[in-house]
Structures are given as structure tokens and as C-alpha cells.
Amino acid sequence: MSDTTWAAPASSRKATKGRHLSDHGHYLAACVVYALVTGRSPLDPLLWYPPDFEPSVVVFLQQIAADTVLTVPSAWNIVQH
């Protein structure tokens, strides 16, 4: 992973005025819920994602969710069998 910080486009930030998640934020939240509910990594090329998302952004968001939830599953009360 590079040292580049990803941020929502300025037009997206203006439209939401900091009160709502961007589309990328919603997708990240969905990936976190997927990992919590299934106990599996959301890093899966077969998982649905919005067609207007760049594939590299999808993998980036899936990786954040996987790292957040699955690095220390006990912190989330996930029991892995």
C-alpha cells in the first residue's frame, strides 16, 4: 500500500456538508458489517460494489474493513472456528 492518502472528491464533500457518509463511506461501512456478521474478509472480488467505483478504491476500502475487524477478532467478539 502506498503512502497516498485517499479522500472523497471535493464535489462529494461539498454535497454532504460533513453530515452524511459519501458513497465510499457507505461501502466501507457495508464491508465492516459484512466482516462482523460473517467473520470473513470482505477482500473478495466476487462481492458486489457500485459500478462507478474504481476497482483499486474497492480493494482499498475492503482492506480497511478487513484490517479493522479481523486483525483482532476478539475485540469485536468474533469467534473463529
C-alpha atoms as a PDB file:
ATOM      1  CA  MET A   1       0.000   0.000   0.000  1.00  0.00           C
ATOM      2  CA  SER A   2       1.360   3.412  -0.883  1.00  0.00           C
ATOM      3  CA  ASP A   3       1.710   6.420   1.388  1.00  0.00           C
ATOM      4  CA  THR A   4      -1.007   8.214  -0.575  1.00  0.00           C
ATOM      5  CA  THR A   5      -3.999   9.323   1.472  1.00  0.00           C
ATOM      6  CA  TRP A   6      -7.325   8.792  -0.237  1.00  0.00           C
ATOM      7  CA  ALA A   7     -10.072  11.373   0.188  1.00  0.00           C
ATOM      8  CA  ALA A   8     -13.510  11.895  -1.286  1.00  0.00           C
ATOM      9  CA  PRO A   9     -13.639  14.310  -4.217  1.00  0.00           C
ATOM     10  CA  ALA A  10     -14.246  17.941  -3.255  1.00  0.00           C
ATOM     11  CA  SER A  11     -17.630  17.899  -5.005  1.00  0.00           C
ATOM     12  CA  SER A  12     -18.690  14.960  -2.809  1.00  0.00           C
ATOM     13  CA  ARG A  13     -17.561  16.727   0.363  1.00  0.00           C
ATOM     14  CA  LYS A  14     -19.482  19.893  -0.549  1.00  0.00           C
ATOM     15  CA  ALA A  15     -22.654  17.974  -1.314  1.00  0.00           C
ATOM     16  CA  THR A  16     -22.688  16.186   2.031  1.00  0.00           C
ATOM     17  CA  LYS A  17     -21.615  19.170   4.174  1.00  0.00           C
ATOM     18  CA  GLY A  18     -19.982  16.733   6.596  1.00  0.00           C
ATOM     19  CA  ARG A  19     -23.298  15.340   7.819  1.00  0.00           C
ATOM     20  CA  HIS A  20     -23.643  12.145   5.809  1.00  0.00           C
ATOM     21  CA  LEU A  21     -21.377   9.430   4.538  1.00  0.00           C
ATOM     22  CA  SER A  22     -20.187   9.584   0.959  1.00  0.00           C
ATOM     23  CA  ASP A  23     -20.897   6.612  -1.277  1.00  0.00           C
ATOM     24  CA  HIS A  24     -17.423   5.340  -0.415  1.00  0.00           C
ATOM     25  CA  GLY A  25     -18.220   5.701   3.296  1.00  0.00           C
ATOM     26  CA  HIS A  26     -21.397   3.678   2.882  1.00  0.00           C
ATOM     27  CA  TYR A  27     -19.474   0.948   1.043  1.00  0.00           C
ATOM     28  CA  LEU A  28     -16.797   0.877   3.761  1.00  0.00           C
ATOM     29  CA  ALA A  29     -19.488   0.559   6.436  1.00  0.00           C
ATOM     30  CA  ALA A  30     -21.098  -2.287   4.484  1.00  0.00           C
ATOM     31  CA  CYS A  31     -17.740  -4.079   4.274  1.00  0.00           C
ATOM     32  CA  VAL A  32     -17.278  -3.714   8.043  1.00  0.00           C
ATOM     33  CA  VAL A  33     -20.758  -5.137   8.688  1.00  0.00           C
ATOM     34  CA  TYR A  34     -20.044  -7.998   6.257  1.00  0.00           C
ATOM     35  CA  ALA A  35     -16.874  -8.877   8.165  1.00  0.00           C
ATOM     36  CA  LEU A  36     -18.644  -8.633  11.526  1.00  0.00           C
ATOM     37  CA  VAL A  37     -21.620 -10.757  10.517  1.00  0.00           C
ATOM     38  CA  THR A  38     -19.780 -13.431   8.540  1.00  0.00           C
ATOM     39  CA  GLY A  39     -16.380 -13.414  10.253  1.00  0.00           C
ATOM     40  CA  ARG A  40     -14.884 -13.483   6.751  1.00  0.00           C
ATOM     41  CA  SER A  41     -12.741 -10.998   4.940  1.00  0.00           C
ATOM     42  CA  PRO A  42     -14.528  -8.599   2.603  1.00  0.00           C
ATOM     43  CA  LEU A  43     -11.487  -8.847   0.316  1.00  0.00           C
ATOM     44  CA  ASP A  44     -13.366 -10.824  -2.284  1.00  0.00           C
ATOM     45  CA  PRO A  45     -13.501  -9.925  -5.971  1.00  0.00           C
ATOM     46  CA  LEU A  46     -16.958 -11.506  -6.165  1.00  0.00           C
ATOM     47  CA  LEU A  47     -18.513  -9.107  -3.634  1.00  0.00           C
ATOM     48  CA  TRP A  48     -20.792  -6.558  -5.224  1.00  0.00           C
ATOM     49  CA  TYR A  49     -19.665  -2.968  -5.441  1.00  0.00           C
ATOM     50  CA  PRO A  50     -21.098   0.068  -7.205  1.00  0.00           C
ATOM     51  CA  PRO A  51     -20.192   0.019 -10.895  1.00  0.00           C
ATOM     52  CA  ASP A  52     -18.917   3.607 -10.801  1.00  0.00           C
ATOM     53  CA  PHE A  53     -16.243   2.774  -8.169  1.00  0.00           C
ATOM     54  CA  GLU A  54     -12.681   2.292  -9.329  1.00  0.00           C
ATOM     55  CA  PRO A  55     -11.553  -1.286  -8.599  1.00  0.00           C
ATOM     56  CA  SER A  56      -8.457  -0.006  -6.764  1.00  0.00           C
ATOM     57  CA  VAL A  57     -10.694   2.029  -4.418  1.00  0.00           C
ATOM     58  CA  VAL A  58     -12.892  -1.028  -3.809  1.00  0.00           C
ATOM     59  CA  VAL A  59      -9.879  -3.121  -2.794  1.00  0.00           C
ATOM     60  CA  PHE A  60      -8.604  -0.264  -0.606  1.00  0.00           C
ATOM     61  CA  LEU A  61     -11.931   0.003   1.258  1.00  0.00           C
ATOM     62  CA  GLN A  62     -12.268  -3.775   1.579  1.00  0.00           C
ATOM     63  CA  GLN A  63      -8.734  -3.931   3.013  1.00  0.00           C
ATOM     64  CA  ILE A  64      -9.514  -1.224   5.586  1.00  0.00           C
ATOM     65  CA  ALA A  65     -12.608  -3.139   6.709  1.00  0.00           C
ATOM     66  CA  ALA A  66     -10.710  -6.442   6.885  1.00  0.00           C
ATOM     67  CA  ASP A  67      -7.849  -4.888   8.846  1.00  0.00           C
ATOM     68  CA  THR A  68     -10.227  -3.086  11.200  1.00  0.00           C
ATOM     69  CA  VAL A  69     -12.388  -6.078  12.052  1.00  0.00           C
ATOM     70  CA  LEU A  70     -10.296  -9.176  11.507  1.00  0.00           C
ATOM     71  CA  THR A  71      -6.867  -8.164  12.832  1.00  0.00           C
ATOM     72  CA  VAL A  72      -8.096  -8.640  16.419  1.00  0.00           C
ATOM     73  CA  PRO A  73     -11.399 -10.529  16.100  1.00  0.00           C
ATOM     74  CA  SER A  74     -11.783 -10.862  19.875  1.00  0.00           C
ATOM     75  CA  ALA A  75     -12.097  -7.066  20.123  1.00  0.00           C
ATOM     76  CA  TRP A  76     -15.305  -7.416  18.100  1.00  0.00           C
ATOM     77  CA  ASN A  77     -16.479 -10.599  19.904  1.00  0.00           C
ATOM     78  CA  ILE A  78     -15.951 -12.648  16.764  1.00  0.00           C
ATOM     79  CA  VAL A  79     -15.375 -16.326  17.462  1.00  0.00           C
ATOM     80  CA  GLN A  80     -13.481 -18.003  14.674  1.00  0.00           C
ATOM     81  CA  HIS A  81     -13.845 -21.735  14.323  1.00  0.00           C
END
